[in-house]
């Protein structure tokens, strides 16, 4: 299953709903409840993966979330103070979340509180390297080892592994692939590579 930005749904509300819907489909699969594998492996702990984890817990499924960075996925990597959610969303177990124009920091703090309260099974700093079908399930290979699951939900967004230019010097410390805090570049000359939404947003914030 695919949910969130990877499937073209960039809005947090839509990503949350897709994560919930994916779990509804997983619940109907045969072969659930085996002790030698998870019912569901969720790759990515962004909005879709986070909602998927809550939905899996609510449905009584055995699940694991594997995230290569931190809670929030793409949202975690947004610039400081960025408004990330402008429409209410409904989270499994939690119910309606009536945030309007909430910043990245406040949303992540809210999610972390839910993660602690619900004791969600999320494994951080573990990059998935391969997913292979094995008949009626999947074998997942990550940096920490192998995991077996009946179903897989890909909620990896589109920014997890940046595309590099392949030019000399791009591995130097002053070359970065995400803008977290524009303030750190005050008084410096900055070259922004790209001309899309993220590039223009970065240039505006730095300026």
C-alpha atoms as a PDB file:
ATOM      1  CA  UNK A   1       0.000   0.000   0.000  1.00  0.00           C
ATOM      2  CA  UNK A   2       1.083   3.585  -0.660  1.00  0.00           C
ATOM      3  CA  UNK A   3      -0.107   6.636   1.274  1.00  0.00           C
ATOM      4  CA  UNK A   4       0.724  10.310   1.613  1.00  0.00           C
ATOM      5  CA  UNK A   5       3.048  12.452  -0.455  1.00  0.00           C
ATOM      6  CA  UNK A   6       4.467   9.440  -2.320  1.00  0.00           C
ATOM      7  CA  UNK A   7       1.035   8.922  -3.844  1.00  0.00           C
ATOM      8  CA  UNK A   8       0.543  12.585  -4.687  1.00  0.00           C
ATOM      9  CA  UNK A   9      -1.308  13.593  -1.513  1.00  0.00           C
ATOM     10  CA  UNK A  10       0.747  16.398  -0.023  1.00  0.00           C
ATOM     11  CA  UNK A  11      -1.856  17.781   2.397  1.00  0.00           C
ATOM     12  CA  UNK A  12      -1.477  16.431   5.918  1.00  0.00           C
ATOM     13  CA  UNK A  13      -5.209  15.855   6.245  1.00  0.00           C
ATOM     14  CA  UNK A  14      -5.257  13.752   3.064  1.00  0.00           C
ATOM     15  CA  UNK A  15      -2.137  11.824   4.098  1.00  0.00           C
ATOM     16  CA  UNK A  16      -3.689  11.006   7.481  1.00  0.00           C
ATOM     17  CA  UNK A  17      -6.872   9.769   5.813  1.00  0.00           C
ATOM     18  CA  UNK A  18      -4.931   7.632   3.333  1.00  0.00           C
ATOM     19  CA  UNK A  19      -2.963   6.033   6.164  1.00  0.00           C
ATOM     20  CA  UNK A  20      -6.201   5.151   7.933  1.00  0.00           C
ATOM     21  CA  UNK A  21      -7.809   3.793   4.759  1.00  0.00           C
ATOM     22  CA  UNK A  22      -4.786   1.609   3.994  1.00  0.00           C
ATOM     23  CA  UNK A  23      -5.107  -0.073   7.386  1.00  0.00           C
ATOM     24  CA  UNK A  24      -8.802  -0.682   6.752  1.00  0.00           C
ATOM     25  CA  UNK A  25      -7.751  -2.641   3.657  1.00  0.00           C
ATOM     26  CA  UNK A  26      -5.026  -4.503   5.561  1.00  0.00           C
ATOM     27  CA  UNK A  27      -7.598  -5.686   8.106  1.00  0.00           C
ATOM     28  CA  UNK A  28      -9.394  -7.631   5.343  1.00  0.00           C
ATOM     29  CA  UNK A  29      -6.325  -9.597   4.254  1.00  0.00           C
ATOM     30  CA  UNK A  30      -6.077 -13.342   4.969  1.00  0.00           C
ATOM     31  CA  UNK A  31      -3.130 -14.635   6.961  1.00  0.00           C
ATOM     32  CA  UNK A  32      -3.159 -12.077   9.776  1.00  0.00           C
ATOM     33  CA  UNK A  33      -2.302 -12.907  13.382  1.00  0.00           C
ATOM     34  CA  UNK A  34       0.722 -15.139  12.812  1.00  0.00           C
ATOM     35  CA  UNK A  35       3.368 -15.070  15.544  1.00  0.00           C
ATOM     36  CA  UNK A  36       6.326 -15.252  13.148  1.00  0.00           C
ATOM     37  CA  UNK A  37       5.661 -11.920  11.448  1.00  0.00           C
ATOM     38  CA  UNK A  38       3.950  -8.568  11.831  1.00  0.00           C
ATOM     39  CA  UNK A  39       0.546  -8.015  10.284  1.00  0.00           C
ATOM     40  CA  UNK A  40       1.745  -4.645   8.962  1.00  0.00           C
ATOM     41  CA  UNK A  41       5.088  -2.935   8.475  1.00  0.00           C
ATOM     42  CA  UNK A  42       4.825   0.814   7.975  1.00  0.00           C
ATOM     43  CA  UNK A  43       7.820   2.459   6.332  1.00  0.00           C
ATOM     44  CA  UNK A  44       8.000   6.132   7.258  1.00  0.00           C
ATOM     45  CA  UNK A  45       6.718   7.993  10.325  1.00  0.00           C
ATOM     46  CA  UNK A  46       5.278  11.044   8.613  1.00  0.00           C
ATOM     47  CA  UNK A  47       1.577  11.994   8.762  1.00  0.00           C
ATOM     48  CA  UNK A  48       0.403   8.933   6.777  1.00  0.00           C
ATOM     49  CA  UNK A  49       2.623   6.484   8.653  1.00  0.00           C
ATOM     50  CA  UNK A  50       1.729   7.993  12.016  1.00  0.00           C
ATOM     51  CA  UNK A  51      -1.999   7.719  11.281  1.00  0.00           C
ATOM     52  CA  UNK A  52      -1.439   4.193   9.984  1.00  0.00           C
ATOM     53  CA  UNK A  53       0.227   3.202  13.255  1.00  0.00           C
ATOM     54  CA  UNK A  54      -2.684   4.558  15.283  1.00  0.00           C
ATOM     55  CA  UNK A  55      -5.181   2.791  13.021  1.00  0.00           C
ATOM     56  CA  UNK A  56      -3.246  -0.489  13.283  1.00  0.00           C
ATOM     57  CA  UNK A  57      -3.216  -0.271  17.071  1.00  0.00           C
ATOM     58  CA  UNK A  58      -6.909   0.561  17.133  1.00  0.00           C
ATOM     59  CA  UNK A  59      -7.630  -2.458  14.911  1.00  0.00           C
ATOM     60  CA  UNK A  60      -5.578  -4.785  17.114  1.00  0.00           C
ATOM     61  CA  UNK A  61      -3.026  -5.544  14.398  1.00  0.00           C
ATOM     62  CA  UNK A  62       0.591  -6.355  15.157  1.00  0.00           C
ATOM     63  CA  UNK A  63       2.639  -3.641  13.476  1.00  0.00           C
ATOM     64  CA  UNK A  64       5.960  -1.868  13.339  1.00  0.00           C
ATOM     65  CA  UNK A  65       6.926   1.539  11.961  1.00  0.00           C
ATOM     66  CA  UNK A  66      10.425   1.881  10.514  1.00  0.00           C
ATOM     67  CA  UNK A  67      11.696   5.465  10.114  1.00  0.00           C
ATOM     68  CA  UNK A  68      15.134   6.477   8.882  1.00  0.00           C
ATOM     69  CA  UNK A  69      15.081   9.851  10.657  1.00  0.00           C
ATOM     70  CA  UNK A  70      12.650  11.182  13.243  1.00  0.00           C
ATOM     71  CA  UNK A  71       8.920  11.457  13.894  1.00  0.00           C
ATOM     72  CA  UNK A  72       7.181  13.634  11.343  1.00  0.00           C
ATOM     73  CA  UNK A  73       9.035  12.529   8.232  1.00  0.00           C
ATOM     74  CA  UNK A  74       8.996  15.383   5.741  1.00  0.00           C
ATOM     75  CA  UNK A  75       7.361  17.666   8.316  1.00  0.00           C
ATOM     76  CA  UNK A  76      10.368  17.162  10.635  1.00  0.00           C
ATOM     77  CA  UNK A  77      12.625  18.558   7.912  1.00  0.00           C
ATOM     78  CA  UNK A  78      10.592  21.692   7.249  1.00  0.00           C
ATOM     79  CA  UNK A  79      12.146  25.083   8.136  1.00  0.00           C
ATOM     80  CA  UNK A  80      11.675  26.344  11.682  1.00  0.00           C
ATOM     81  CA  UNK A  81       8.341  28.081  12.258  1.00  0.00           C
ATOM     82  CA  UNK A  82       6.791  26.915   8.977  1.00  0.00           C
ATOM     83  CA  UNK A  83       3.001  26.661   8.992  1.00  0.00           C
ATOM     84  CA  UNK A  84       2.391  23.044   8.034  1.00  0.00           C
ATOM     85  CA  UNK A  85      -1.267  22.282   8.698  1.00  0.00           C
ATOM     86  CA  UNK A  86      -4.166  24.523   7.802  1.00  0.00           C
ATOM     87  CA  UNK A  87      -7.124  22.119   7.840  1.00  0.00           C
ATOM     88  CA  UNK A  88      -8.497  19.863  10.616  1.00  0.00           C
ATOM     89  CA  UNK A  89      -7.847  16.107  10.398  1.00  0.00           C
ATOM     90  CA  UNK A  90      -9.255  13.032  12.119  1.00  0.00           C
ATOM     91  CA  UNK A  91      -6.704  10.721  13.752  1.00  0.00           C
ATOM     92  CA  UNK A  92      -7.556   7.118  14.674  1.00  0.00           C
ATOM     93  CA  UNK A  93      -7.980   6.643  18.456  1.00  0.00           C
ATOM     94  CA  UNK A  94      -7.485  10.400  19.037  1.00  0.00           C
ATOM     95  CA  UNK A  95     -10.413  11.784  17.035  1.00  0.00           C
ATOM     96  CA  UNK A  96     -10.784  15.184  15.398  1.00  0.00           C
ATOM     97  CA  UNK A  97      -7.717  17.424  15.518  1.00  0.00           C
ATOM     98  CA  UNK A  98      -8.861  20.988  14.983  1.00  0.00           C
ATOM     99  CA  UNK A  99      -5.540  22.655  14.252  1.00  0.00           C
ATOM    100  CA  UNK A 100      -5.610  25.635  11.890  1.00  0.00           C
ATOM    101  CA  UNK A 101      -2.362  27.254  10.741  1.00  0.00           C
ATOM    102  CA  UNK A 102      -0.231  25.319  13.203  1.00  0.00           C
ATOM    103  CA  UNK A 103       3.554  25.470  13.019  1.00  0.00           C
ATOM    104  CA  UNK A 104       5.867  22.531  12.488  1.00  0.00           C
ATOM    105  CA  UNK A 105       7.103  22.674  16.101  1.00  0.00           C
ATOM    106  CA  UNK A 106       3.631  22.635  17.666  1.00  0.00           C
ATOM    107  CA  UNK A 107       2.422  19.816  15.438  1.00  0.00           C
ATOM    108  CA  UNK A 108       5.473  17.659  16.186  1.00  0.00           C
ATOM    109  CA  UNK A 109       5.085  18.308  19.917  1.00  0.00           C
ATOM    110  CA  UNK A 110       1.452  17.185  19.671  1.00  0.00           C
ATOM    111  CA  UNK A 111       2.416  14.027  17.779  1.00  0.00           C
ATOM    112  CA  UNK A 112       5.195  13.181  20.246  1.00  0.00           C
ATOM    113  CA  UNK A 113       2.699  13.423  23.074  1.00  0.00           C
ATOM    114  CA  UNK A 114       0.403  10.966  21.308  1.00  0.00           C
ATOM    115  CA  UNK A 115       3.338   8.647  20.571  1.00  0.00           C
ATOM    116  CA  UNK A 116       4.256   8.500  24.259  1.00  0.00           C
ATOM    117  CA  UNK A 117       0.664   8.155  25.421  1.00  0.00           C
ATOM    118  CA  UNK A 118      -0.140   5.340  22.985  1.00  0.00           C
ATOM    119  CA  UNK A 119       3.295   3.668  23.221  1.00  0.00           C
ATOM    120  CA  UNK A 120       3.474   3.346  19.443  1.00  0.00           C
ATOM    121  CA  UNK A 121       5.923   0.796  18.054  1.00  0.00           C
ATOM    122  CA  UNK A 122       8.247   3.048  16.028  1.00  0.00           C
ATOM    123  CA  UNK A 123      11.858   2.181  15.269  1.00  0.00           C
ATOM    124  CA  UNK A 124      13.906   5.288  14.495  1.00  0.00           C
ATOM    125  CA  UNK A 125      17.255   5.770  12.736  1.00  0.00           C
ATOM    126  CA  UNK A 126      16.707   2.621  10.696  1.00  0.00           C
ATOM    127  CA  UNK A 127      16.801   2.943   6.927  1.00  0.00           C
ATOM    128  CA  UNK A 128      14.907   0.360   4.849  1.00  0.00           C
ATOM    129  CA  UNK A 129      17.054  -0.943   2.013  1.00  0.00           C
ATOM    130  CA  UNK A 130      14.913  -3.606   0.364  1.00  0.00           C
ATOM    131  CA  UNK A 131      11.371  -4.998   0.332  1.00  0.00           C
ATOM    132  CA  UNK A 132      10.750  -8.378  -1.292  1.00  0.00           C
ATOM    133  CA  UNK A 133       7.502 -10.314  -1.756  1.00  0.00           C
ATOM    134  CA  UNK A 134       7.635 -13.846  -0.345  1.00  0.00           C
ATOM    135  CA  UNK A 135       4.320 -15.374  -1.387  1.00  0.00           C
ATOM    136  CA  UNK A 136       1.674 -14.116   1.035  1.00  0.00           C
ATOM    137  CA  UNK A 137       3.822 -11.462   2.699  1.00  0.00           C
ATOM    138  CA  UNK A 138       7.006  -9.431   2.535  1.00  0.00           C
ATOM    139  CA  UNK A 139      10.581  -9.582   3.748  1.00  0.00           C
ATOM    140  CA  UNK A 140      11.992  -6.185   4.698  1.00  0.00           C
ATOM    141  CA  UNK A 141      15.709  -5.589   4.995  1.00  0.00           C
ATOM    142  CA  UNK A 142      16.834  -2.520   6.938  1.00  0.00           C
ATOM    143  CA  UNK A 143      20.045  -1.360   8.571  1.00  0.00           C
ATOM    144  CA  UNK A 144      19.047  -3.144  11.777  1.00  0.00           C
ATOM    145  CA  UNK A 145      18.295  -6.487  10.119  1.00  0.00           C
ATOM    146  CA  UNK A 146      15.376  -8.413   8.638  1.00  0.00           C
ATOM    147  CA  UNK A 147      11.668  -8.011   9.374  1.00  0.00           C
ATOM    148  CA  UNK A 148       8.772 -10.114   8.069  1.00  0.00           C
ATOM    149  CA  UNK A 149       5.263  -8.761   7.570  1.00  0.00           C
ATOM    150  CA  UNK A 150       1.976  -9.731   5.946  1.00  0.00           C
ATOM    151  CA  UNK A 151       1.520  -6.262   4.429  1.00  0.00           C
ATOM    152  CA  UNK A 152       3.628  -3.154   3.859  1.00  0.00           C
ATOM    153  CA  UNK A 153       2.510   0.475   3.891  1.00  0.00           C
ATOM    154  CA  UNK A 154       4.929   2.804   2.096  1.00  0.00           C
ATOM    155  CA  UNK A 155       4.570   6.293   3.530  1.00  0.00           C
ATOM    156  CA  UNK A 156       8.058   7.533   2.720  1.00  0.00           C
ATOM    157  CA  UNK A 157       7.192  10.905   1.189  1.00  0.00           C
ATOM    158  CA  UNK A 158       9.406  12.281  -1.567  1.00  0.00           C
ATOM    159  CA  UNK A 159      12.253  13.880   0.334  1.00  0.00           C
ATOM    160  CA  UNK A 160      13.744  11.078   2.394  1.00  0.00           C
ATOM    161  CA  UNK A 161      16.837  10.600   0.257  1.00  0.00           C
ATOM    162  CA  UNK A 162      17.819  13.756  -1.645  1.00  0.00           C
ATOM    163  CA  UNK A 163      18.910  13.505  -5.257  1.00  0.00           C
ATOM    164  CA  UNK A 164      22.497  14.692  -5.626  1.00  0.00           C
ATOM    165  CA  UNK A 165      23.961  16.677  -8.499  1.00  0.00           C
ATOM    166  CA  UNK A 166      27.054  14.547  -8.978  1.00  0.00           C
ATOM    167  CA  UNK A 167      29.479  17.473  -8.996  1.00  0.00           C
ATOM    168  CA  UNK A 168      32.822  17.978  -7.193  1.00  0.00           C
ATOM    169  CA  UNK A 169      32.496  19.482  -3.710  1.00  0.00           C
ATOM    170  CA  UNK A 170      28.927  18.465  -3.016  1.00  0.00           C
ATOM    171  CA  UNK A 171      30.064  16.339  -0.065  1.00  0.00           C
ATOM    172  CA  UNK A 172      31.496  19.349   1.790  1.00  0.00           C
ATOM    173  CA  UNK A 173      29.908  20.358   5.095  1.00  0.00           C
ATOM    174  CA  UNK A 174      28.640  23.669   3.754  1.00  0.00           C
ATOM    175  CA  UNK A 175      26.457  21.872   1.173  1.00  0.00           C
ATOM    176  CA  UNK A 176      23.071  20.921   2.667  1.00  0.00           C
ATOM    177  CA  UNK A 177      19.940  19.327   1.259  1.00  0.00           C
ATOM    178  CA  UNK A 178      17.346  20.832   3.548  1.00  0.00           C
ATOM    179  CA  UNK A 179      16.762  24.187   5.187  1.00  0.00           C
ATOM    180  CA  UNK A 180      15.978  23.859   8.878  1.00  0.00           C
ATOM    181  CA  UNK A 181      16.843  27.308  10.243  1.00  0.00           C
ATOM    182  CA  UNK A 182      17.430  30.241   7.824  1.00  0.00           C
ATOM    183  CA  UNK A 183      18.920  32.260  10.704  1.00  0.00           C
ATOM    184  CA  UNK A 184      22.122  30.210  10.595  1.00  0.00           C
ATOM    185  CA  UNK A 185      22.966  31.730   7.203  1.00  0.00           C
ATOM    186  CA  UNK A 186      22.677  35.375   8.280  1.00  0.00           C
ATOM    187  CA  UNK A 187      25.381  37.492   6.657  1.00  0.00           C
ATOM    188  CA  UNK A 188      26.512  34.714   4.305  1.00  0.00           C
ATOM    189  CA  UNK A 189      26.244  34.213   0.556  1.00  0.00           C
ATOM    190  CA  UNK A 190      23.917  31.297  -0.217  1.00  0.00           C
ATOM    191  CA  UNK A 191      23.327  29.536  -3.529  1.00  0.00           C
ATOM    192  CA  UNK A 192      19.943  27.793  -3.773  1.00  0.00           C
ATOM    193  CA  UNK A 193      19.909  25.064  -6.434  1.00  0.00           C
ATOM    194  CA  UNK A 194      16.457  24.469  -7.918  1.00  0.00           C
ATOM    195  CA  UNK A 195      13.464  26.528  -8.988  1.00  0.00           C
ATOM    196  CA  UNK A 196      10.471  24.757  -7.511  1.00  0.00           C
ATOM    197  CA  UNK A 197       8.300  25.540  -4.473  1.00  0.00           C
ATOM    198  CA  UNK A 198      10.908  24.417  -1.939  1.00  0.00           C
ATOM    199  CA  UNK A 199      13.683  26.410  -3.596  1.00  0.00           C
ATOM    200  CA  UNK A 200      11.628  29.590  -3.725  1.00  0.00           C
ATOM    201  CA  UNK A 201      10.507  29.117  -0.124  1.00  0.00           C
ATOM    202  CA  UNK A 202      14.131  28.612   0.966  1.00  0.00           C
ATOM    203  CA  UNK A 203      15.314  31.693  -0.919  1.00  0.00           C
ATOM    204  CA  UNK A 204      12.518  33.816   0.569  1.00  0.00           C
ATOM    205  CA  UNK A 205      13.264  32.607   4.107  1.00  0.00           C
ATOM    206  CA  UNK A 206      17.000  33.252   3.756  1.00  0.00           C
ATOM    207  CA  UNK A 207      16.425  36.686   2.234  1.00  0.00           C
END
